[in-house]
C-alpha atoms as a PDB file:
ATOM      1  CA  MET A   1       0.117 -71.553  73.004  1.00  0.00           C
ATOM      2  CA  ASN A   2      -1.559 -74.387  71.549  1.00  0.00           C
ATOM      3  CA  HIS A   3      -0.812 -75.029  68.007  1.00  0.00           C
ATOM      4  CA  GLU A   4      -2.751 -76.052  64.963  1.00  0.00           C
ATOM      5  CA  VAL A   5      -1.469 -78.628  62.755  1.00  0.00           C
ATOM      6  CA  THR A   6      -3.262 -79.119  59.488  1.00  0.00           C
ATOM      7  CA  VAL A   7      -2.739 -82.105  57.139  1.00  0.00           C
ATOM      8  CA  TYR A   8      -3.784 -81.559  53.714  1.00  0.00           C
ATOM      9  CA  SER A   9      -5.130 -84.678  52.401  1.00  0.00           C
ATOM     10  CA  LYS A  10      -7.073 -86.587  50.359  1.00  0.00           C
ATOM     11  CA  PRO A  11      -9.100 -89.720  49.638  1.00  0.00           C
ATOM     12  CA  ASP A  12      -7.522 -93.043  49.007  1.00  0.00           C
ATOM     13  CA  CYS A  13      -4.096 -91.968  50.007  1.00  0.00           C
ATOM     14  CA  PRO A  14      -2.440 -94.331  52.264  1.00  0.00           C
ATOM     15  CA  LEU A  15       0.328 -92.151  52.926  1.00  0.00           C
ATOM     16  CA  CYS A  16      -1.991 -89.438  54.218  1.00  0.00           C
ATOM     17  CA  ASP A  17      -4.045 -92.169  56.406  1.00  0.00           C
ATOM     18  CA  LYS A  18      -0.754 -92.638  58.197  1.00  0.00           C
ATOM     19  CA  ALA A  19       0.137 -89.066  58.581  1.00  0.00           C
ATOM     20  CA  ILE A  20      -3.188 -88.262  59.982  1.00  0.00           C
ATOM     21  CA  GLU A  21      -2.973 -91.719  62.505  1.00  0.00           C
ATOM     22  CA  LEU A  22       0.327 -90.702  63.663  1.00  0.00           C
ATOM     23  CA  LEU A  23      -0.296 -87.005  64.699  1.00  0.00           C
ATOM     24  CA  GLU A  24      -3.370 -88.508  66.209  1.00  0.00           C
ATOM     25  CA  GLN A  25      -1.177 -90.533  68.757  1.00  0.00           C
ATOM     26  CA  HIS A  26       1.143 -87.372  69.100  1.00  0.00           C
ATOM     27  CA  GLN A  27      -1.894 -85.289  69.534  1.00  0.00           C
ATOM     28  CA  ARG A  28      -2.967 -87.100  72.782  1.00  0.00           C
ATOM     29  CA  ARG A  29       0.654 -86.734  74.342  1.00  0.00           C
ATOM     30  CA  VAL A  30       1.593 -83.322  72.602  1.00  0.00           C
ATOM     31  CA  GLY A  31      -1.938 -81.483  72.606  1.00  0.00           C
ATOM     32  CA  PHE A  32      -2.666 -79.282  69.438  1.00  0.00           C
ATOM     33  CA  GLU A  33      -5.534 -78.895  67.057  1.00  0.00           C
ATOM     34  CA  LEU A  34      -5.487 -80.831  64.384  1.00  0.00           C
ATOM     35  CA  VAL A  35      -7.508 -80.032  61.184  1.00  0.00           C
ATOM     36  CA  VAL A  36      -7.537 -82.630  58.026  1.00  0.00           C
ATOM     37  CA  VAL A  37      -8.343 -80.680  54.685  1.00  0.00           C
ATOM     38  CA  ASP A  38      -9.443 -82.829  51.719  1.00  0.00           C
ATOM     39  CA  ILE A  39      -7.869 -80.594  48.426  1.00  0.00           C
ATOM     40  CA  THR A  40     -10.080 -82.388  46.297  1.00  0.00           C
ATOM     41  CA  GLN A  41     -12.246 -80.068  47.387  1.00  0.00           C
ATOM     42  CA  ASP A  42     -10.554 -76.751  46.838  1.00  0.00           C
ATOM     43  CA  ASP A  43      -8.981 -76.563  43.114  1.00  0.00           C
ATOM     44  CA  GLU A  44      -6.245 -74.343  44.246  1.00  0.00           C
ATOM     45  CA  LEU A  45      -4.872 -76.479  47.359  1.00  0.00           C
ATOM     46  CA  PHE A  46      -5.508 -79.636  44.745  1.00  0.00           C
ATOM     47  CA  ASN A  47      -3.216 -77.887  41.720  1.00  0.00           C
ATOM     48  CA  ARG A  48      -0.619 -76.634  44.389  1.00  0.00           C
ATOM     49  CA  TYR A  49      -0.179 -79.529  46.187  1.00  0.00           C
ATOM     50  CA  CYS A  50      -1.559 -83.111  44.361  1.00  0.00           C
ATOM     51  CA  PHE A  51       1.745 -84.702  43.960  1.00  0.00           C
ATOM     52  CA  ASP A  52       2.936 -83.670  47.266  1.00  0.00           C
ATOM     53  CA  ILE A  53       0.440 -84.632  49.804  1.00  0.00           C
ATOM     54  CA  PRO A  54       0.322 -85.448  52.779  1.00  0.00           C
ATOM     55  CA  VAL A  55       1.497 -82.011  53.612  1.00  0.00           C
ATOM     56  CA  VAL A  56       1.844 -81.140  57.524  1.00  0.00           C
ATOM     57  CA  LEU A  57       1.463 -77.251  58.581  1.00  0.00           C
ATOM     58  CA  VAL A  58       2.053 -76.000  61.658  1.00  0.00           C
ATOM     59  CA  ASP A  59       0.272 -72.720  62.362  1.00  0.00           C
ATOM     60  CA  GLY A  60       0.192 -72.172  58.549  1.00  0.00           C
ATOM     61  CA  GLU A  61       3.869 -72.975  57.984  1.00  0.00           C
ATOM     62  CA  PRO A  62       4.649 -75.835  55.885  1.00  0.00           C
ATOM     63  CA  LYS A  63       6.578 -78.427  57.767  1.00  0.00           C
ATOM     64  CA  LEU A  64       6.470 -81.984  56.383  1.00  0.00           C
ATOM     65  CA  GLN A  65       5.404 -84.031  53.012  1.00  0.00           C
ATOM     66  CA  GLY A  66       5.274 -86.758  51.128  1.00  0.00           C
ATOM     67  CA  ILE A  67       6.361 -89.688  53.831  1.00  0.00           C
ATOM     68  CA  ILE A  68       5.841 -88.787  57.159  1.00  0.00           C
ATOM     69  CA  ASP A  69       7.181 -90.835  59.634  1.00  0.00           C
ATOM     70  CA  LYS A  70       7.629 -90.939  63.694  1.00  0.00           C
ATOM     71  CA  GLN A  71      10.945 -89.686  63.494  1.00  0.00           C
ATOM     72  CA  SER A  72       9.992 -86.848  61.439  1.00  0.00           C
ATOM     73  CA  LEU A  73       7.205 -86.053  63.894  1.00  0.00           C
ATOM     74  CA  LYS A  74       9.191 -86.242  66.778  1.00  0.00           C
ATOM     75  CA  ARG A  75      11.666 -83.777  64.957  1.00  0.00           C
ATOM     76  CA  MET A  76       9.030 -81.404  64.192  1.00  0.00           C
ATOM     77  CA  PHE A  77       7.908 -81.145  67.424  1.00  0.00           C
ATOM     78  CA  GLY A  78      10.937 -81.246  68.945  1.00  0.00           C
ATOM     79  CA  ASN A  79      11.934 -77.878  67.049  1.00  0.00           C
ATOM     80  CA  ILE A  80       8.351 -76.338  67.903  1.00  0.00           C
ATOM     81  CA  ARG A  81       9.200 -76.932  71.758  1.00  0.00           C
ATOM     82  CA  LYS A  82      12.326 -75.576  71.366  1.00  0.00           C
ATOM     83  CA  ARG A  83      11.083 -72.166  69.856  1.00  0.00           C
ATOM     84  CA  ARG A  84       8.360 -72.144  72.425  1.00  0.00           C
ATOM     85  CA  LYS A  85      10.656 -71.806  74.965  1.00  0.00           C
END
């Protein structure tokens, strides 16, 4: 089963850029569909997440937000693999 990982982001957001870069690195190893959503294009998403970005969702479920590093992504993907078994 391939998962869809969505990142809520916006332009000029260094934390978002770093999260996307780290996710792209994991994508090559783990294999999942990565979708980047610019919240400035959707008023509802902007109002809901403007202070929380980046926000990472897996299959539509929020998993991480704010400062995202390699360790938090490893934990997130480790938990996904455990549920898959």
